[in-house]
Amino acid sequence: MTRIDDTFARLRSEGRKAFVAYVMAGDPDYDTSLQIVLGLPGAGVDIIELGMPFTDPMADGPTIQLAGQRALAGGQTLERTLQIARELRKVNKTTPIVMMGYYNPIFSRGVDSFLSAATEAGIDGLIIVDLPPEEDSELCLPANKAGLNFIRLATPTTDDKRLPKVLENTSGFVYYVSITGITGAAAAQSADVAPEVARIKSQTDLPVIVGFGIRTPDNARDIARIADGAVVGSAIVSEIAAGRSVADVLAFVESLADGAHSA
């Protein structure tokens, strides 16, 4: 059992859905980013997705791309992203941390070195958007062996023929991308998402969390009602980009968490 498994077990026992928040590590700077991350559990976040800034984030829209550029310009590195996790673990031993991003920074560091550092830092799972199931031997299987969940994305174009392959070595939860395209591109519609979530759940016992296109507490509530939880990223990153204070960002996050938890 990982922290992610424990979290979903607890939420099920409480009759609640999960709220997952994404932030880009190092955005707008290391210190501010760290303070936001440290405050996320208290704002009601059940699982933290910690973005790894990368120079060519092909799955991300302008909001996340610019966040990555700000972080990189401020000197954010993979090691400093791991350090944020270490700092959280000093005060919080239970909230799962999932690192989300692209394979290149991990490959550059070396898979074994990265996995050793990630487990030491208290990372619980990985979402690596540019590694398909055909490349599971690169990182997915070593990560699973190291005790990390490897979380796979399913999308509106993942048909019934492809879905079993996507689910094969997935653990922790399945991340359903509610829209076709990049992050922040459109609003998620629960009527469109519901049959897709049901289709995935018919083929796996893993929780299904829905992300992309969720911007308001009402959106989070509506999506959480038909899934096991909701992920918000671009809307939170937009608040950070607008120069909101840490307190204001966390208040916005709390409103989203309240929405998801009211489902």
Protein backbone atom coordinates (compact mmCIF):
# COMPACT_ATOMS: atom_id res chain seq x y z
CA MET A 1 0.00 0.00 0.00
CA THR A 2 1.33 3.42 -0.98
CA ARG A 3 0.29 6.80 0.39
CA ILE A 4 -1.91 7.13 -2.70
CA ASP A 5 -3.65 3.82 -1.96
CA ASP A 6 -4.06 4.83 1.68
CA THR A 7 -5.55 8.19 0.69
CA PHE A 8 -8.20 6.67 -1.55
CA ALA A 9 -9.04 4.04 1.06
CA ARG A 10 -9.55 6.78 3.63
CA LEU A 11 -11.66 8.89 1.28
CA ARG A 12 -13.86 5.90 0.43
CA SER A 13 -14.39 5.19 4.12
CA GLU A 14 -15.43 8.83 4.58
CA GLY A 15 -17.70 8.79 1.52
CA ARG A 16 -15.72 11.61 -0.10
CA LYS A 17 -14.10 12.23 -3.45
CA ALA A 18 -10.49 13.28 -3.97
CA PHE A 19 -9.26 16.74 -4.78
CA VAL A 20 -5.93 16.84 -6.58
CA ALA A 21 -4.05 20.11 -7.11
CA TYR A 22 -1.29 20.72 -9.65
CA VAL A 23 1.34 23.41 -9.23
CA MET A 24 4.55 23.98 -11.16
CA ALA A 25 7.57 23.58 -8.91
CA GLY A 26 9.53 26.82 -8.72
CA ASP A 27 6.76 29.08 -10.04
CA PRO A 28 6.94 32.03 -9.69
CA ASP A 29 10.10 31.42 -7.66
CA TYR A 30 11.39 28.69 -5.36
CA ASP A 31 10.44 30.26 -2.04
CA THR A 32 6.90 31.22 -3.07
CA SER A 33 6.36 27.83 -4.67
CA LEU A 34 7.52 26.09 -1.51
CA GLN A 35 5.14 28.12 0.65
CA ILE A 36 2.22 27.26 -1.64
CA VAL A 37 3.07 23.55 -1.61
CA LEU A 38 3.41 23.56 2.19
CA GLY A 39 -0.05 25.12 2.42
CA LEU A 40 -1.87 22.77 0.03
CA PRO A 41 -2.76 20.02 2.53
CA GLY A 42 -4.28 22.57 4.89
CA ALA A 43 -6.32 23.94 1.98
CA GLY A 44 -7.97 20.55 1.53
CA VAL A 45 -5.76 19.02 -1.14
CA ASP A 46 -5.73 15.22 -0.96
CA ILE A 47 -2.97 14.62 -3.52
CA ILE A 48 -0.34 17.11 -4.73
CA GLU A 49 0.82 17.04 -8.33
CA LEU A 50 4.20 18.73 -8.51
CA GLY A 51 5.09 19.84 -12.00
CA MET A 52 8.66 19.37 -13.25
CA PRO A 53 9.52 22.38 -15.44
CA PHE A 54 10.73 21.42 -18.89
CA THR A 55 11.71 23.42 -21.96
CA ASP A 56 9.38 21.61 -24.39
CA PRO A 57 6.11 20.75 -22.61
CA MET A 58 4.14 19.47 -25.60
CA ALA A 59 0.97 18.47 -23.72
CA ASP A 60 0.59 21.79 -21.93
CA GLY A 61 -1.19 24.95 -22.91
CA PRO A 62 0.16 28.48 -22.55
CA THR A 63 -0.62 28.76 -18.83
CA ILE A 64 1.48 25.77 -17.80
CA GLN A 65 4.13 26.49 -20.44
CA LEU A 66 4.66 29.99 -19.06
CA ALA A 67 4.78 28.64 -15.51
CA GLY A 68 7.56 26.28 -16.56
CA GLN A 69 9.43 29.12 -18.24
CA ARG A 70 9.18 31.28 -15.12
CA ALA A 71 10.43 28.40 -12.99
CA LEU A 72 13.35 27.63 -15.28
CA ALA A 73 14.27 31.31 -15.50
CA GLY A 74 14.35 31.37 -11.71
CA GLY A 75 16.83 28.51 -11.59
CA GLN A 76 14.44 25.65 -10.86
CA THR A 77 15.99 22.23 -11.48
CA LEU A 78 14.92 18.64 -10.97
CA GLU A 79 16.97 18.56 -7.76
CA ARG A 80 15.25 21.69 -6.44
CA THR A 81 11.88 20.14 -7.27
CA LEU A 82 12.82 17.12 -5.18
CA GLN A 83 13.89 19.51 -2.43
CA ILE A 84 10.37 20.96 -2.30
CA ALA A 85 9.09 17.44 -1.65
CA ARG A 86 11.71 16.95 1.07
CA GLU A 87 10.62 20.16 2.78
CA LEU A 88 6.97 19.09 2.73
CA ARG A 89 7.87 15.71 4.19
CA LYS A 90 9.47 17.43 7.18
CA VAL A 91 6.01 18.59 8.25
CA ASN A 92 3.63 16.22 6.43
CA LYS A 93 4.13 12.46 6.21
CA THR A 94 0.76 11.51 4.73
CA THR A 95 -0.26 13.68 1.74
CA PRO A 96 0.81 11.93 -1.49
CA ILE A 97 3.10 13.78 -3.89
CA VAL A 98 3.00 12.90 -7.58
CA MET A 99 5.66 14.36 -9.87
CA MET A 100 4.22 15.23 -13.28
CA GLY A 101 6.12 16.11 -16.40
CA TYR A 102 8.31 14.74 -19.14
CA TYR A 103 10.93 12.04 -19.39
CA ASN A 104 13.90 14.08 -20.58
CA PRO A 105 14.96 15.54 -17.19
CA ILE A 106 14.72 12.09 -15.62
CA PHE A 107 16.65 10.45 -18.47
CA SER A 108 19.32 13.15 -18.22
CA ARG A 109 19.79 12.49 -14.52
CA GLY A 110 19.66 8.71 -14.94
CA VAL A 111 16.66 6.55 -14.05
CA ASP A 112 18.28 4.73 -11.13
CA SER A 113 19.64 7.94 -9.64
CA PHE A 114 16.30 9.68 -10.04
CA LEU A 115 14.26 6.87 -8.51
CA SER A 116 16.61 6.66 -5.55
CA ALA A 117 16.38 10.41 -4.97
CA ALA A 118 12.60 10.47 -5.50
CA THR A 119 11.89 7.74 -2.97
CA GLU A 120 14.26 9.38 -0.49
CA ALA A 121 12.46 12.71 -0.99
CA GLY A 122 9.06 11.16 -0.26
CA ILE A 123 7.64 11.07 -3.78
CA ASP A 124 4.75 8.61 -4.17
CA GLY A 125 3.99 8.53 -7.88
CA LEU A 126 4.90 9.68 -11.35
CA ILE A 127 2.91 10.98 -14.31
CA ILE A 128 5.21 11.13 -17.32
CA VAL A 129 3.10 12.24 -20.23
CA ASP A 130 5.47 11.39 -23.09
CA LEU A 131 6.20 7.76 -22.17
CA PRO A 132 3.63 5.43 -23.79
CA PRO A 133 3.03 1.89 -22.49
CA GLU A 134 5.35 0.52 -25.15
CA GLU A 135 8.19 2.19 -23.23
CA ASP A 136 7.30 0.76 -19.81
CA SER A 137 10.75 -0.78 -19.41
CA GLU A 138 12.28 2.73 -19.48
CA LEU A 139 10.72 4.04 -16.28
CA CYS A 140 7.33 2.55 -15.41
CA LEU A 141 8.54 -0.91 -14.40
CA PRO A 142 11.62 0.36 -12.54
CA ALA A 143 9.42 2.91 -10.74
CA ASN A 144 6.94 0.24 -9.70
CA LYS A 145 9.81 -1.92 -8.45
CA ALA A 146 11.05 1.05 -6.41
CA GLY A 147 7.64 1.37 -4.76
CA LEU A 148 6.36 4.34 -6.76
CA ASN A 149 2.98 4.39 -8.46
CA PHE A 150 3.13 5.00 -12.20
CA ILE A 151 -0.04 6.84 -13.18
CA ARG A 152 -1.18 6.69 -16.77
CA LEU A 153 -3.29 9.13 -18.74
CA ALA A 154 -6.38 7.95 -20.60
CA THR A 155 -7.97 10.35 -23.08
CA PRO A 156 -11.12 10.68 -25.19
CA THR A 157 -9.18 8.99 -28.01
CA THR A 158 -8.18 5.95 -25.89
CA ASP A 159 -10.51 3.38 -27.47
CA ASP A 160 -11.44 -0.06 -26.15
CA LYS A 161 -8.61 -1.68 -28.05
CA ARG A 162 -6.00 0.65 -26.56
CA LEU A 163 -7.35 0.94 -23.02
CA PRO A 164 -6.14 -2.46 -21.69
CA LYS A 165 -2.59 -1.60 -22.77
CA VAL A 166 -2.81 1.77 -21.02
CA LEU A 167 -4.04 0.10 -17.82
CA GLU A 168 -1.55 -2.78 -17.89
CA ASN A 169 1.10 -1.44 -15.50
CA THR A 170 -0.78 1.57 -14.15
CA SER A 171 -1.11 1.89 -10.39
CA GLY A 172 -2.35 4.44 -7.87
CA PHE A 173 -5.08 5.89 -10.05
CA VAL A 174 -5.99 6.49 -13.67
CA TYR A 175 -5.90 10.10 -14.81
CA TYR A 176 -8.66 10.70 -17.36
CA VAL A 177 -8.02 13.73 -19.56
CA SER A 178 -11.48 15.18 -20.07
CA ILE A 179 -10.79 17.04 -23.30
CA THR A 180 -8.89 16.46 -26.51
CA GLY A 181 -5.95 18.83 -26.69
CA ILE A 182 -3.67 20.73 -24.35
CA THR A 183 -4.13 21.78 -20.73
CA GLY A 184 -6.38 24.77 -20.14
CA ALA A 185 -7.89 24.59 -23.63
CA ALA A 186 -11.58 24.03 -22.85
CA ALA A 187 -14.03 23.38 -20.05
CA ALA A 188 -14.74 19.83 -18.92
CA GLN A 189 -18.35 18.74 -19.35
CA SER A 190 -19.61 16.13 -16.91
CA ALA A 191 -22.15 14.79 -19.40
CA ASP A 192 -19.33 13.99 -21.81
CA VAL A 193 -17.02 12.65 -19.14
CA ALA A 194 -19.44 10.34 -17.29
CA PRO A 195 -19.68 7.55 -19.91
CA GLU A 196 -15.90 7.60 -20.41
CA VAL A 197 -15.27 7.26 -16.67
CA ALA A 198 -17.75 4.37 -16.54
CA ARG A 199 -16.00 2.69 -19.48
CA ILE A 200 -12.60 2.91 -17.78
CA LYS A 201 -13.98 1.73 -14.43
CA SER A 202 -15.47 -1.33 -16.14
CA GLN A 203 -11.90 -2.43 -16.94
CA THR A 204 -10.03 -1.52 -13.74
CA ASP A 205 -10.50 -1.36 -9.98
CA LEU A 206 -8.25 1.70 -9.79
CA PRO A 207 -9.76 5.08 -8.91
CA VAL A 208 -10.39 7.32 -11.92
CA ILE A 209 -9.54 10.99 -11.45
CA VAL A 210 -10.53 13.56 -14.06
CA GLY A 211 -8.43 16.56 -15.03
CA PHE A 212 -8.06 19.25 -17.72
CA GLY A 213 -10.71 21.95 -18.11
CA ILE A 214 -11.81 22.21 -14.44
CA ARG A 215 -11.67 25.82 -13.30
CA THR A 216 -14.33 26.50 -10.65
CA PRO A 217 -15.68 24.89 -7.47
CA ASP A 218 -18.86 24.00 -9.36
CA ASN A 219 -16.81 22.33 -12.11
CA ALA A 220 -14.88 20.37 -9.49
CA ARG A 221 -18.11 19.27 -7.78
CA ASP A 222 -19.79 18.19 -11.02
CA ILE A 223 -16.77 16.19 -12.18
CA ALA A 224 -16.16 14.61 -8.75
CA ARG A 225 -19.76 13.41 -8.72
CA ILE A 226 -19.15 11.15 -11.71
CA ALA A 227 -15.52 10.18 -10.97
CA ASP A 228 -13.39 9.39 -7.94
CA GLY A 229 -12.07 12.92 -7.83
CA ALA A 230 -11.03 16.01 -9.76
CA VAL A 231 -7.71 17.60 -10.69
CA VAL A 232 -7.23 21.35 -11.09
CA GLY A 233 -4.02 22.75 -12.53
CA SER A 234 -4.24 25.64 -14.99
CA ALA A 235 -6.76 27.61 -12.92
CA ILE A 236 -4.45 27.48 -9.89
CA VAL A 237 -1.39 28.31 -11.95
CA SER A 238 -3.29 31.29 -13.42
CA GLU A 239 -3.80 32.67 -9.92
CA ILE A 240 -0.08 32.34 -9.25
CA ALA A 241 0.73 34.00 -12.59
CA ALA A 242 -1.54 36.91 -11.69
CA GLY A 243 0.67 37.65 -8.71
CA ARG A 244 -1.82 36.65 -6.04
CA SER A 245 -0.45 36.27 -2.54
CA VAL A 246 0.21 32.81 -1.14
CA ALA A 247 -2.82 33.25 1.13
CA ASP A 248 -5.06 34.18 -1.80
CA VAL A 249 -3.84 31.25 -3.91
CA LEU A 250 -4.50 28.85 -1.04
CA ALA A 251 -7.94 30.35 -0.45
CA PHE A 252 -8.77 29.71 -4.11
CA VAL A 253 -7.47 26.15 -3.81
CA GLU A 254 -9.61 25.63 -0.71
CA SER A 255 -12.72 26.75 -2.61
CA LEU A 256 -11.97 24.18 -5.30
CA ALA A 257 -11.34 21.47 -2.72
CA ASP A 258 -14.63 22.30 -1.02
CA GLY A 259 -16.36 21.93 -4.37
CA ALA A 260 -14.88 18.50 -5.02
CA HIS A 261 -15.55 17.35 -1.46
CA SER A 262 -19.20 18.41 -1.69
CA ALA A 263 -19.85 15.93 -4.51
